[in-house]
Every structure is written in structure tokens, then in C-alpha cells.
Amino acid sequence: MAKTQGEAEVLNYEDVDVLESLRDMTGGRGPDACIDAVGMEAHLPGIVGAYDRIKQALRLQSDRPSALRQAMVAVRNGGVLSIPGVYGGFIDKVPLGSLMNRSITIKTGQTHVQRYLKPLLERILKKEIDPSFIITHRLRLDEAAEGYRMFRDDQNECIKVVLKPWETPPRAATSAPPRTQLH
């Protein structure tokens, strides 16, 4: 979706070395800005990912900061690191000294939904933007758990589920005997 709808360059961390690829793409400088939108549920294969999973399993660390670390290292000197991804507690092995010595600006916080909701809705109603491309599934309310499972497990190309509570589930067949009239 990022490639087709946003015309973005897409790097799969399982296929390429992300840091090396970003350095190649930017002539060795690094991106002007990096965004960690993943947060505490990031995962990374290999020894670094195993380190975070073990620390988390032992309750020595609440989050898995692998995406955050990559973004911190990748951003250019004097660049901006934005962290809308949610973190809930303590993390280990964060290169804070590198951020300070490289004059990185850090912006954090969850998205201000209330601030942006009204202006975005107005633009949608005026047909200035059309976010419908992101909706991949429309389900009844009783199918919500299945929709979440599909999204969580990355199945059926699920990106965004819209629940339709006004639709009723199909009626189950009944095995009640037919009614008879008494005279």
C-alpha cells in the first residue's frame, strides 16, 4: 500500500539490511527524518531480536525497541526522529548518547485524533481525499473477533476492517417442530 498509494520506497527488513539500504539511498547521509510507528510490539530476527524477546519474557523490559533503535541509528545528523508508536515502559540498549551527539530532534506522542478528526472528515466530505482504498474488509459486528485475528495474523491481505453493526447475523436454522392448531 505504501508503494502503490503513497509512491514510497519500501524496504522489507527480512530481505535487506535496512540501515545499509537507507545509507545507499541517501548517499551515506541517512534520511532527513525517521518515524517509528511500530512501537513496543516490534520484532526483529536474529540476536538483537532474541535479546529483546528474552528481556521481555523475563520481565526485565516491557517493550521491544528494535524499530526505535534502527530509526535512531538511521536518521542523519541533525535529522528528526518521530515516535508515534506506543511504548509502555522500560527499554534497554537505546543509543541516547548518539542522539545527543548527532543533534537529533525527537518528537513523540500519540496521534492527536481529536485535533485532526474534524478537518479530515471535512476534506473527505468535500471529496478532496478518499481514504477508502485502505479498507480491505467489511464485516458484521459479530465477526469483529475474526476481523481482528485476520489483521493481527496478517491474513487475507487485511489492512483495515470496517464493522457494520447495523447488519444482523444470518438466522440459524431451527429444529422446532411445526406448529399445529387445535380446534
Protein backbone atom coordinates (compact mmCIF):
# COMPACT_ATOMS: atom_id res chain seq x y z
CA MET A 1 0.00 0.00 0.00
CA ALA A 2 2.82 2.44 0.83
CA LYS A 3 4.30 1.79 -2.59
CA THR A 4 1.11 1.80 -4.66
CA GLN A 5 -0.84 4.55 -2.87
CA GLY A 6 1.98 6.68 -1.44
CA GLU A 7 4.64 6.09 -4.09
CA ALA A 8 7.08 5.26 -1.27
CA GLU A 9 10.22 3.18 -1.45
CA VAL A 10 9.56 0.01 0.53
CA LEU A 11 12.23 -1.96 2.37
CA ASN A 12 11.46 -5.33 3.93
CA TYR A 13 13.71 -5.81 6.96
CA GLU A 14 13.55 -9.58 6.42
CA ASP A 15 15.00 -9.26 2.90
CA VAL A 16 17.52 -6.39 3.14
CA ASP A 17 19.77 -4.69 5.65
CA VAL A 18 17.64 -1.61 6.28
CA LEU A 19 20.47 0.62 7.54
CA GLU A 20 22.73 -0.26 4.62
CA SER A 21 19.90 0.27 2.13
CA LEU A 22 19.00 3.68 3.62
CA ARG A 23 22.63 4.76 3.51
CA ASP A 24 22.84 3.68 -0.15
CA MET A 25 19.62 5.55 -1.00
CA THR A 26 20.83 8.76 0.68
CA GLY A 27 24.44 8.80 -0.45
CA GLY A 28 25.65 7.72 3.00
CA ARG A 29 23.96 10.61 4.81
CA GLY A 30 20.84 8.91 6.17
CA PRO A 31 17.20 10.02 5.89
CA ASP A 32 16.26 13.56 6.96
CA ALA A 33 13.54 12.07 9.15
CA CYS A 34 12.69 8.64 10.50
CA ILE A 35 9.38 7.54 12.01
CA ASP A 36 8.91 4.68 14.46
CA ALA A 37 5.21 3.95 14.05
CA VAL A 38 5.57 0.37 15.30
CA GLY A 39 6.23 0.90 18.99
CA MET A 40 6.55 -1.73 21.67
CA GLU A 41 5.39 -4.65 19.51
CA ALA A 42 8.28 -4.50 17.04
CA HIS A 43 10.10 -7.67 16.20
CA LEU A 44 13.44 -8.33 14.61
CA PRO A 45 15.02 -11.62 13.58
CA GLY A 46 18.45 -12.57 14.83
CA ILE A 47 20.40 -11.99 18.01
CA VAL A 48 19.19 -8.44 18.68
CA GLY A 49 15.56 -9.53 18.35
CA ALA A 50 16.24 -12.53 20.59
CA TYR A 51 17.82 -10.23 23.19
CA ASP A 52 14.65 -8.10 23.37
CA ARG A 53 12.34 -11.13 23.45
CA ILE A 54 14.32 -12.73 26.31
CA LYS A 55 14.41 -9.50 28.32
CA GLN A 56 10.67 -9.14 27.83
CA ALA A 57 9.96 -12.78 28.77
CA LEU A 58 11.95 -12.33 31.99
CA ARG A 59 10.03 -9.10 32.67
CA LEU A 60 13.26 -7.11 32.61
CA GLN A 61 11.99 -4.97 29.75
CA SER A 62 8.39 -4.15 28.88
CA ASP A 63 8.84 -3.24 25.22
CA ARG A 64 10.72 -4.44 22.14
CA PRO A 65 12.51 -1.34 20.81
CA SER A 66 14.17 -2.80 17.71
CA ALA A 67 12.38 -0.44 15.28
CA LEU A 68 13.18 2.53 17.52
CA ARG A 69 16.87 1.62 17.65
CA GLN A 70 17.01 1.28 13.87
CA ALA A 71 15.35 4.66 13.38
CA MET A 72 17.74 6.27 15.88
CA VAL A 73 20.78 4.94 14.09
CA ALA A 74 19.45 5.56 10.56
CA VAL A 75 18.43 9.25 10.80
CA ARG A 76 21.01 11.74 9.52
CA ASN A 77 22.95 14.06 11.80
CA GLY A 78 20.66 16.96 12.67
CA GLY A 79 17.63 14.99 11.47
CA VAL A 80 14.24 14.40 13.05
CA LEU A 81 13.09 11.24 14.81
CA SER A 82 9.33 10.99 15.22
CA ILE A 83 7.89 8.36 17.57
CA PRO A 84 4.11 7.97 17.31
CA GLY A 85 4.50 4.24 18.02
CA VAL A 86 3.33 3.47 21.54
CA TYR A 87 5.78 2.45 24.24
CA GLY A 88 4.55 1.38 27.64
CA GLY A 89 7.52 1.22 29.93
CA PHE A 90 11.21 0.47 30.15
CA ILE A 91 13.57 -0.33 27.28
CA ASP A 92 17.22 -1.28 27.19
CA LYS A 93 20.15 -0.57 24.88
CA VAL A 94 18.93 2.76 23.49
CA PRO A 95 21.75 4.83 21.95
CA LEU A 96 20.80 8.08 23.70
CA GLY A 97 24.37 9.43 23.58
CA SER A 98 24.37 9.03 19.79
CA LEU A 99 21.15 11.04 19.54
CA MET A 100 22.55 13.87 21.60
CA ASN A 101 25.94 13.97 19.92
CA ARG A 102 24.30 13.95 16.47
CA SER A 103 21.80 16.75 17.34
CA ILE A 104 18.71 14.66 16.59
CA THR A 105 15.34 16.31 17.20
CA ILE A 106 12.88 13.91 18.83
CA LYS A 107 9.12 14.26 18.55
CA THR A 108 6.88 11.86 20.44
CA GLY A 109 3.28 11.28 21.36
CA GLN A 110 0.21 9.51 20.17
CA THR A 111 -1.68 10.98 17.24
CA HIS A 112 -3.96 13.85 18.24
CA VAL A 113 -7.11 12.22 16.89
CA GLN A 114 -9.49 14.88 18.21
CA ARG A 115 -7.39 17.64 16.63
CA TYR A 116 -7.37 16.09 13.16
CA LEU A 117 -10.73 14.30 13.04
CA LYS A 118 -12.93 17.27 12.06
CA PRO A 119 -10.66 18.77 9.36
CA LEU A 120 -10.03 15.34 7.83
CA LEU A 121 -13.72 14.47 7.83
CA GLU A 122 -14.47 17.80 6.09
CA ARG A 123 -11.91 17.03 3.39
CA ILE A 124 -13.43 13.55 2.91
CA LEU A 125 -16.93 15.01 2.60
CA LYS A 126 -15.66 17.54 0.02
CA LYS A 127 -14.07 14.59 -1.83
CA GLU A 128 -10.63 16.20 -1.55
CA ILE A 129 -9.28 12.95 -0.16
CA ASP A 130 -10.59 9.39 -0.40
CA PRO A 131 -9.32 7.03 2.30
CA SER A 132 -11.50 4.12 1.17
CA PHE A 133 -8.55 2.38 -0.53
CA ILE A 134 -7.31 1.31 2.88
CA ILE A 135 -10.49 -0.67 3.69
CA THR A 136 -9.98 -4.30 2.77
CA HIS A 137 -12.78 -5.97 4.75
CA ARG A 138 -16.33 -5.04 5.81
CA LEU A 139 -17.79 -7.29 8.49
CA ARG A 140 -20.80 -7.56 10.75
CA LEU A 141 -20.28 -6.71 14.42
CA ASP A 142 -20.49 -10.37 15.42
CA GLU A 143 -17.47 -11.00 13.14
CA ALA A 144 -15.24 -8.45 14.93
CA ALA A 145 -13.07 -11.07 16.64
CA GLU A 146 -12.41 -12.78 13.30
CA GLY A 147 -11.53 -9.42 11.72
CA TYR A 148 -9.05 -8.67 14.49
CA ARG A 149 -7.49 -12.14 14.14
CA MET A 150 -7.08 -11.65 10.37
CA PHE A 151 -5.40 -8.27 10.94
CA ARG A 152 -3.19 -9.49 13.78
CA ASP A 153 -2.07 -12.62 11.92
CA ASP A 154 -1.60 -10.76 8.60
CA GLN A 155 -4.08 -12.95 6.74
CA ASN A 156 -6.27 -12.35 3.67
CA GLU A 157 -4.35 -9.14 2.88
CA CYS A 158 -6.20 -7.50 5.77
CA ILE A 159 -5.28 -3.84 6.28
CA LYS A 160 -8.39 -2.14 7.68
CA VAL A 161 -11.68 -3.66 8.81
CA VAL A 162 -14.90 -1.67 8.93
CA LEU A 163 -17.54 -3.11 11.24
CA LYS A 164 -21.20 -2.77 10.26
CA PRO A 165 -23.25 -3.07 13.48
CA TRP A 166 -26.50 -2.35 11.62
CA GLU A 167 -26.28 -5.66 9.76
CA THR A 168 -27.76 -8.60 11.59
CA PRO A 169 -26.17 -12.04 11.55
CA PRO A 170 -27.85 -14.71 9.45
CA ARG A 171 -30.53 -16.65 11.29
CA ALA A 172 -29.62 -20.11 12.43
CA ALA A 173 -31.81 -22.93 11.21
CA THR A 174 -34.22 -24.05 13.91
CA SER A 175 -35.22 -27.59 14.62
CA ALA A 176 -38.51 -26.72 16.34
CA PRO A 177 -41.44 -28.90 15.30
CA PRO A 178 -44.08 -27.24 13.14
CA ARG A 179 -46.96 -25.63 14.99
CA THR A 180 -50.33 -27.29 14.92
CA GLN A 181 -53.66 -25.67 15.52
CA LEU A 182 -56.14 -27.03 17.95
CA HIS A 183 -59.85 -26.78 17.13
